[in-house]
Amino acid sequence: MTTKQIIRCRYLRRSGEQCTGEAADPAADVLLCLKHMARVVEHARATYNRFRREATR
C-alpha cells in the first residue's frame, strides 16, 4: 500500500505558527495553500495598480 504524503503550506502566521493548509502545487518552488496564494495575488495586483497610478501623474 502506498501512502501519499501531504505537503503543507509554508506560510507563517504572525504568532509564528505554520499554516496547516495543503499546498496547492506540491511540486512548486513556493509552497502555499490557495488562501495564501490568493492573498499574494491581491497584494501584487494592489501594488501594480498603485504603481500605475503614480506613473501617470
PDB file of N, CA and C in Angstrom:
ATOM      1  N   MET A   1       0.849  -1.188   0.000  1.00  0.00           N
ATOM      2  CA  MET A   1       0.000   0.000   0.000  1.00  0.00           C
ATOM      3  C   MET A   1       0.889   1.244   0.000  1.00  0.00           C
ATOM      4  N   THR A   2       0.576   2.183  -0.878  1.00  0.00           N
ATOM      5  CA  THR A   2       1.333   3.418  -0.982  1.00  0.00           C
ATOM      6  C   THR A   2       0.560   4.545  -0.314  1.00  0.00           C
ATOM      7  N   THR A   3       1.239   5.301   0.524  1.00  0.00           N
ATOM      8  CA  THR A   3       0.588   6.450   1.156  1.00  0.00           C
ATOM      9  C   THR A   3       1.117   7.728   0.542  1.00  0.00           C
ATOM     10  N   LYS A   4       0.219   8.661   0.305  1.00  0.00           N
ATOM     11  CA  LYS A   4       0.588   9.946  -0.274  1.00  0.00           C
ATOM     12  C   LYS A   4       0.897  10.922   0.854  1.00  0.00           C
ATOM     13  N   GLN A   5       2.082  11.504   0.807  1.00  0.00           N
ATOM     14  CA  GLN A   5       2.466  12.479   1.810  1.00  0.00           C
ATOM     15  C   GLN A   5       1.856  13.827   1.446  1.00  0.00           C
ATOM     16  N   ILE A   6       1.190  14.455   2.399  1.00  0.00           N
ATOM     17  CA  ILE A   6       0.576  15.766   2.168  1.00  0.00           C
ATOM     18  C   ILE A   6       1.621  16.844   2.434  1.00  0.00           C
ATOM     19  N   ILE A   7       1.817  17.713   1.466  1.00  0.00           N
ATOM     20  CA  ILE A   7       2.752  18.824   1.591  1.00  0.00           C
ATOM     21  C   ILE A   7       1.966  20.024   2.115  1.00  0.00           C
ATOM     22  N   ARG A   8       2.428  20.606   3.196  1.00  0.00           N
ATOM     23  CA  ARG A   8       1.729  21.715   3.845  1.00  0.00           C
ATOM     24  C   ARG A   8       2.200  23.079   3.342  1.00  0.00           C
ATOM     25  N   CYS A   9       1.328  24.051   3.485  1.00  0.00           N
ATOM     26  CA  CYS A   9       1.614  25.440   3.154  1.00  0.00           C
ATOM     27  C   CYS A   9       2.761  25.926   4.039  1.00  0.00           C
ATOM     28  N   ARG A  10       3.644  26.751   3.498  1.00  0.00           N
ATOM     29  CA  ARG A  10       4.811  27.238   4.241  1.00  0.00           C
ATOM     30  C   ARG A  10       4.602  28.609   4.877  1.00  0.00           C
ATOM     31  N   TYR A  11       3.373  29.135   4.783  1.00  0.00           N
ATOM     32  CA  TYR A  11       3.079  30.454   5.336  1.00  0.00           C
ATOM     33  C   TYR A  11       3.170  30.414   6.859  1.00  0.00           C
ATOM     34  N   LEU A  12       3.856  31.394   7.430  1.00  0.00           N
ATOM     35  CA  LEU A  12       3.933  31.520   8.884  1.00  0.00           C
ATOM     36  C   LEU A  12       3.061  32.682   9.333  1.00  0.00           C
ATOM     37  N   ARG A  13       2.208  32.416  10.306  1.00  0.00           N
ATOM     38  CA  ARG A  13       1.343  33.461  10.849  1.00  0.00           C
ATOM     39  C   ARG A  13       2.166  34.396  11.731  1.00  0.00           C
ATOM     40  N   ARG A  14       1.574  35.520  12.090  1.00  0.00           N
ATOM     41  CA  ARG A  14       2.272  36.484  12.949  1.00  0.00           C
ATOM     42  C   ARG A  14       2.699  35.863  14.268  1.00  0.00           C
ATOM     43  N   SER A  15       1.917  34.919  14.751  1.00  0.00           N
ATOM     44  CA  SER A  15       2.223  34.269  16.023  1.00  0.00           C
ATOM     45  C   SER A  15       3.358  33.250  15.891  1.00  0.00           C
ATOM     46  N   GLY A  16       3.814  33.022  14.651  1.00  0.00           N
ATOM     47  CA  GLY A  16       4.892  32.073  14.417  1.00  0.00           C
ATOM     48  C   GLY A  16       4.404  30.669  14.087  1.00  0.00           C
ATOM     49  N   GLU A  17       3.077  30.456  14.100  1.00  0.00           N
ATOM     50  CA  GLU A  17       2.517  29.153  13.765  1.00  0.00           C
ATOM     51  C   GLU A  17       2.461  28.983  12.252  1.00  0.00           C
ATOM     52  N   GLN A  18       2.733  27.778  11.800  1.00  0.00           N
ATOM     53  CA  GLN A  18       2.666  27.487  10.369  1.00  0.00           C
ATOM     54  C   GLN A  18       1.229  27.176   9.972  1.00  0.00           C
ATOM     55  N   CYS A  19       0.831  27.638   8.791  1.00  0.00           N
ATOM     56  CA  CYS A  19      -0.490  27.328   8.235  1.00  0.00           C
ATOM     57  C   CYS A  19      -0.606  25.813   8.074  1.00  0.00           C
ATOM     58  N   THR A  20      -1.779  25.273   8.304  1.00  0.00           N
ATOM     59  CA  THR A  20      -1.982  23.829   8.202  1.00  0.00           C
ATOM     60  C   THR A  20      -2.640  23.420   6.884  1.00  0.00           C
ATOM     61  N   GLY A  21      -2.833  24.387   5.975  1.00  0.00           N
ATOM     62  CA  GLY A  21      -3.450  24.082   4.693  1.00  0.00           C
ATOM     63  C   GLY A  21      -2.532  23.268   3.797  1.00  0.00           C
ATOM     64  N   GLU A  22      -3.134  22.552   2.876  1.00  0.00           N
ATOM     65  CA  GLU A  22      -2.364  21.743   1.922  1.00  0.00           C
ATOM     66  C   GLU A  22      -1.859  22.632   0.791  1.00  0.00           C
ATOM     67  N   ALA A  23      -0.610  22.439   0.393  1.00  0.00           N
ATOM     68  CA  ALA A  23      -0.022  23.228  -0.689  1.00  0.00           C
ATOM     69  C   ALA A  23      -0.799  22.999  -1.978  1.00  0.00           C
ATOM     70  N   ALA A  24      -1.068  24.085  -2.698  1.00  0.00           N
ATOM     71  CA  ALA A  24      -1.831  23.989  -3.946  1.00  0.00           C
ATOM     72  C   ALA A  24      -1.072  23.193  -5.001  1.00  0.00           C
ATOM     73  N   ASP A  25       0.249  23.388  -5.072  1.00  0.00           N
ATOM     74  CA  ASP A  25       1.085  22.674  -6.028  1.00  0.00           C
ATOM     75  C   ASP A  25       2.324  22.159  -5.297  1.00  0.00           C
ATOM     76  N   PRO A  26       2.297  20.908  -4.873  1.00  0.00           N
ATOM     77  CA  PRO A  26       3.418  20.362  -4.096  1.00  0.00           C
ATOM     78  C   PRO A  26       4.754  20.357  -4.841  1.00  0.00           C
ATOM     79  N   ALA A  27       4.731  20.475  -6.164  1.00  0.00           N
ATOM     80  CA  ALA A  27       5.967  20.460  -6.944  1.00  0.00           C
ATOM     81  C   ALA A  27       6.520  21.869  -7.195  1.00  0.00           C
ATOM     82  N   ALA A  28       5.820  22.895  -6.740  1.00  0.00           N
ATOM     83  CA  ALA A  28       6.233  24.276  -6.996  1.00  0.00           C
ATOM     84  C   ALA A  28       7.407  24.688  -6.116  1.00  0.00           C
ATOM     85  N   ASP A  29       8.070  25.766  -6.525  1.00  0.00           N
ATOM     86  CA  ASP A  29       9.164  26.312  -5.723  1.00  0.00           C
ATOM     87  C   ASP A  29       8.646  26.966  -4.450  1.00  0.00           C
ATOM     88  N   VAL A  30       7.460  27.578  -4.539  1.00  0.00           N
ATOM     89  CA  VAL A  30       6.838  28.240  -3.393  1.00  0.00           C
ATOM     90  C   VAL A  30       5.629  27.410  -2.988  1.00  0.00           C
ATOM     91  N   LEU A  31       5.617  26.952  -1.756  1.00  0.00           N
ATOM     92  CA  LEU A  31       4.540  26.076  -1.292  1.00  0.00           C
ATOM     93  C   LEU A  31       3.521  26.876  -0.479  1.00  0.00           C
ATOM     94  N   LEU A  32       2.410  27.217  -1.138  1.00  0.00           N
ATOM     95  CA  LEU A  32       1.341  27.967  -0.485  1.00  0.00           C
ATOM     96  C   LEU A  32       0.002  27.292  -0.745  1.00  0.00           C
ATOM     97  N   CYS A  33      -0.905  27.416   0.228  1.00  0.00           N
ATOM     98  CA  CYS A  33      -2.269  26.916   0.033  1.00  0.00           C
ATOM     99  C   CYS A  33      -3.022  27.947  -0.818  1.00  0.00           C
ATOM    100  N   LEU A  34      -4.209  27.609  -1.251  1.00  0.00           N
ATOM    101  CA  LEU A  34      -4.979  28.508  -2.108  1.00  0.00           C
ATOM    102  C   LEU A  34      -5.293  29.833  -1.427  1.00  0.00           C
ATOM    103  N   LYS A  35      -5.569  29.797  -0.136  1.00  0.00           N
ATOM    104  CA  LYS A  35      -5.889  31.021   0.606  1.00  0.00           C
ATOM    105  C   LYS A  35      -4.718  31.999   0.566  1.00  0.00           C
ATOM    106  N   HIS A  36      -3.533  31.523   0.864  1.00  0.00           N
ATOM    107  CA  HIS A  36      -2.381  32.409   0.910  1.00  0.00           C
ATOM    108  C   HIS A  36      -1.883  32.771  -0.485  1.00  0.00           C
ATOM    109  N   MET A  37      -2.092  31.892  -1.444  1.00  0.00           N
ATOM    110  CA  MET A  37      -1.759  32.212  -2.825  1.00  0.00           C
ATOM    111  C   MET A  37      -2.646  33.358  -3.323  1.00  0.00           C
ATOM    112  N   ALA A  38      -3.925  33.332  -2.958  1.00  0.00           N
ATOM    113  CA  ALA A  38      -4.851  34.393  -3.345  1.00  0.00           C
ATOM    114  C   ALA A  38      -4.442  35.721  -2.711  1.00  0.00           C
ATOM    115  N   ARG A  39      -3.976  35.687  -1.469  1.00  0.00           N
ATOM    116  CA  ARG A  39      -3.513  36.915  -0.814  1.00  0.00           C
ATOM    117  C   ARG A  39      -2.304  37.505  -1.527  1.00  0.00           C
ATOM    118  N   VAL A  40      -1.402  36.669  -1.985  1.00  0.00           N
ATOM    119  CA  VAL A  40      -0.233  37.143  -2.727  1.00  0.00           C
ATOM    120  C   VAL A  40      -0.688  37.834  -4.010  1.00  0.00           C
ATOM    121  N   VAL A  41      -1.642  37.241  -4.706  1.00  0.00           N
ATOM    122  CA  VAL A  41      -2.153  37.832  -5.947  1.00  0.00           C
ATOM    123  C   VAL A  41      -2.811  39.182  -5.657  1.00  0.00           C
ATOM    124  N   GLU A  42      -3.596  39.269  -4.574  1.00  0.00           N
ATOM    125  CA  GLU A  42      -4.250  40.530  -4.204  1.00  0.00           C
ATOM    126  C   GLU A  42      -3.212  41.617  -3.921  1.00  0.00           C
ATOM    127  N   HIS A  43      -2.179  41.282  -3.173  1.00  0.00           N
ATOM    128  CA  HIS A  43      -1.137  42.257  -2.850  1.00  0.00           C
ATOM    129  C   HIS A  43      -0.370  42.681  -4.103  1.00  0.00           C
ATOM    130  N   ALA A  44      -0.073  41.729  -4.972  1.00  0.00           N
ATOM    131  CA  ALA A  44       0.639  42.053  -6.211  1.00  0.00           C
ATOM    132  C   ALA A  44      -0.215  42.956  -7.094  1.00  0.00           C
ATOM    133  N   ARG A  45      -1.491  42.669  -7.187  1.00  0.00           N
ATOM    134  CA  ARG A  45      -2.397  43.490  -8.002  1.00  0.00           C
ATOM    135  C   ARG A  45      -2.498  44.904  -7.434  1.00  0.00           C
ATOM    136  N   ALA A  46      -2.615  45.037  -6.127  1.00  0.00           N
ATOM    137  CA  ALA A  46      -2.704  46.352  -5.493  1.00  0.00           C
ATOM    138  C   ALA A  46      -1.420  47.146  -5.710  1.00  0.00           C
ATOM    139  N   THR A  47      -0.288  46.485  -5.599  1.00  0.00           N
ATOM    140  CA  THR A  47       0.997  47.156  -5.820  1.00  0.00           C
ATOM    141  C   THR A  47       1.116  47.626  -7.260  1.00  0.00           C
ATOM    142  N   TYR A  48       0.726  46.789  -8.200  1.00  0.00           N
ATOM    143  CA  TYR A  48       0.770  47.146  -9.620  1.00  0.00           C
ATOM    144  C   TYR A  48      -0.144  48.343  -9.897  1.00  0.00           C
ATOM    145  N   ASN A  49      -1.356  48.306  -9.365  1.00  0.00           N
ATOM    146  CA  ASN A  49      -2.297  49.413  -9.578  1.00  0.00           C
ATOM    147  C   ASN A  49      -1.776  50.710  -8.979  1.00  0.00           C
ATOM    148  N   ARG A  50      -1.162  50.629  -7.797  1.00  0.00           N
ATOM    149  CA  ARG A  50      -0.583  51.809  -7.161  1.00  0.00           C
ATOM    150  C   ARG A  50       0.548  52.376  -8.020  1.00  0.00           C
ATOM    151  N   PHE A  51       1.389  51.496  -8.551  1.00  0.00           N
ATOM    152  CA  PHE A  51       2.480  51.913  -9.420  1.00  0.00           C
ATOM    153  C   PHE A  51       1.950  52.604 -10.671  1.00  0.00           C
ATOM    154  N   ARG A  52       0.930  52.040 -11.272  1.00  0.00           N
ATOM    155  CA  ARG A  52       0.353  52.631 -12.488  1.00  0.00           C
ATOM    156  C   ARG A  52      -0.224  54.012 -12.212  1.00  0.00           C
ATOM    157  N   ARG A  53      -0.915  54.161 -11.064  1.00  0.00           N
ATOM    158  CA  ARG A  53      -1.488  55.482 -10.720  1.00  0.00           C
ATOM    159  C   ARG A  53      -0.379  56.521 -10.544  1.00  0.00           C
ATOM    160  N   GLU A  54       0.689  56.128  -9.857  1.00  0.00           N
ATOM    161  CA  GLU A  54       1.798  57.067  -9.623  1.00  0.00           C
ATOM    162  C   GLU A  54       2.553  57.381 -10.907  1.00  0.00           C
ATOM    163  N   ALA A  55       2.629  56.442 -11.817  1.00  0.00           N
ATOM    164  CA  ALA A  55       3.357  56.639 -13.075  1.00  0.00           C
ATOM    165  C   ALA A  55       2.617  57.577 -14.023  1.00  0.00           C
ATOM    166  N   THR A  56       1.303  57.698 -13.871  1.00  0.00           N
ATOM    167  CA  THR A  56       0.516  58.531 -14.790  1.00  0.00           C
ATOM    168  C   THR A  56       0.297  59.937 -14.243  1.00  0.00           C
ATOM    169  N   ARG A  57       0.914  60.272 -13.152  1.00  0.00           N
ATOM    170  CA  ARG A  57       0.740  61.619 -12.588  1.00  0.00           C
ATOM    171  C   ARG A  57       1.499  62.629 -13.380  1.00  0.00           C
TER     172      ARG A  57
END
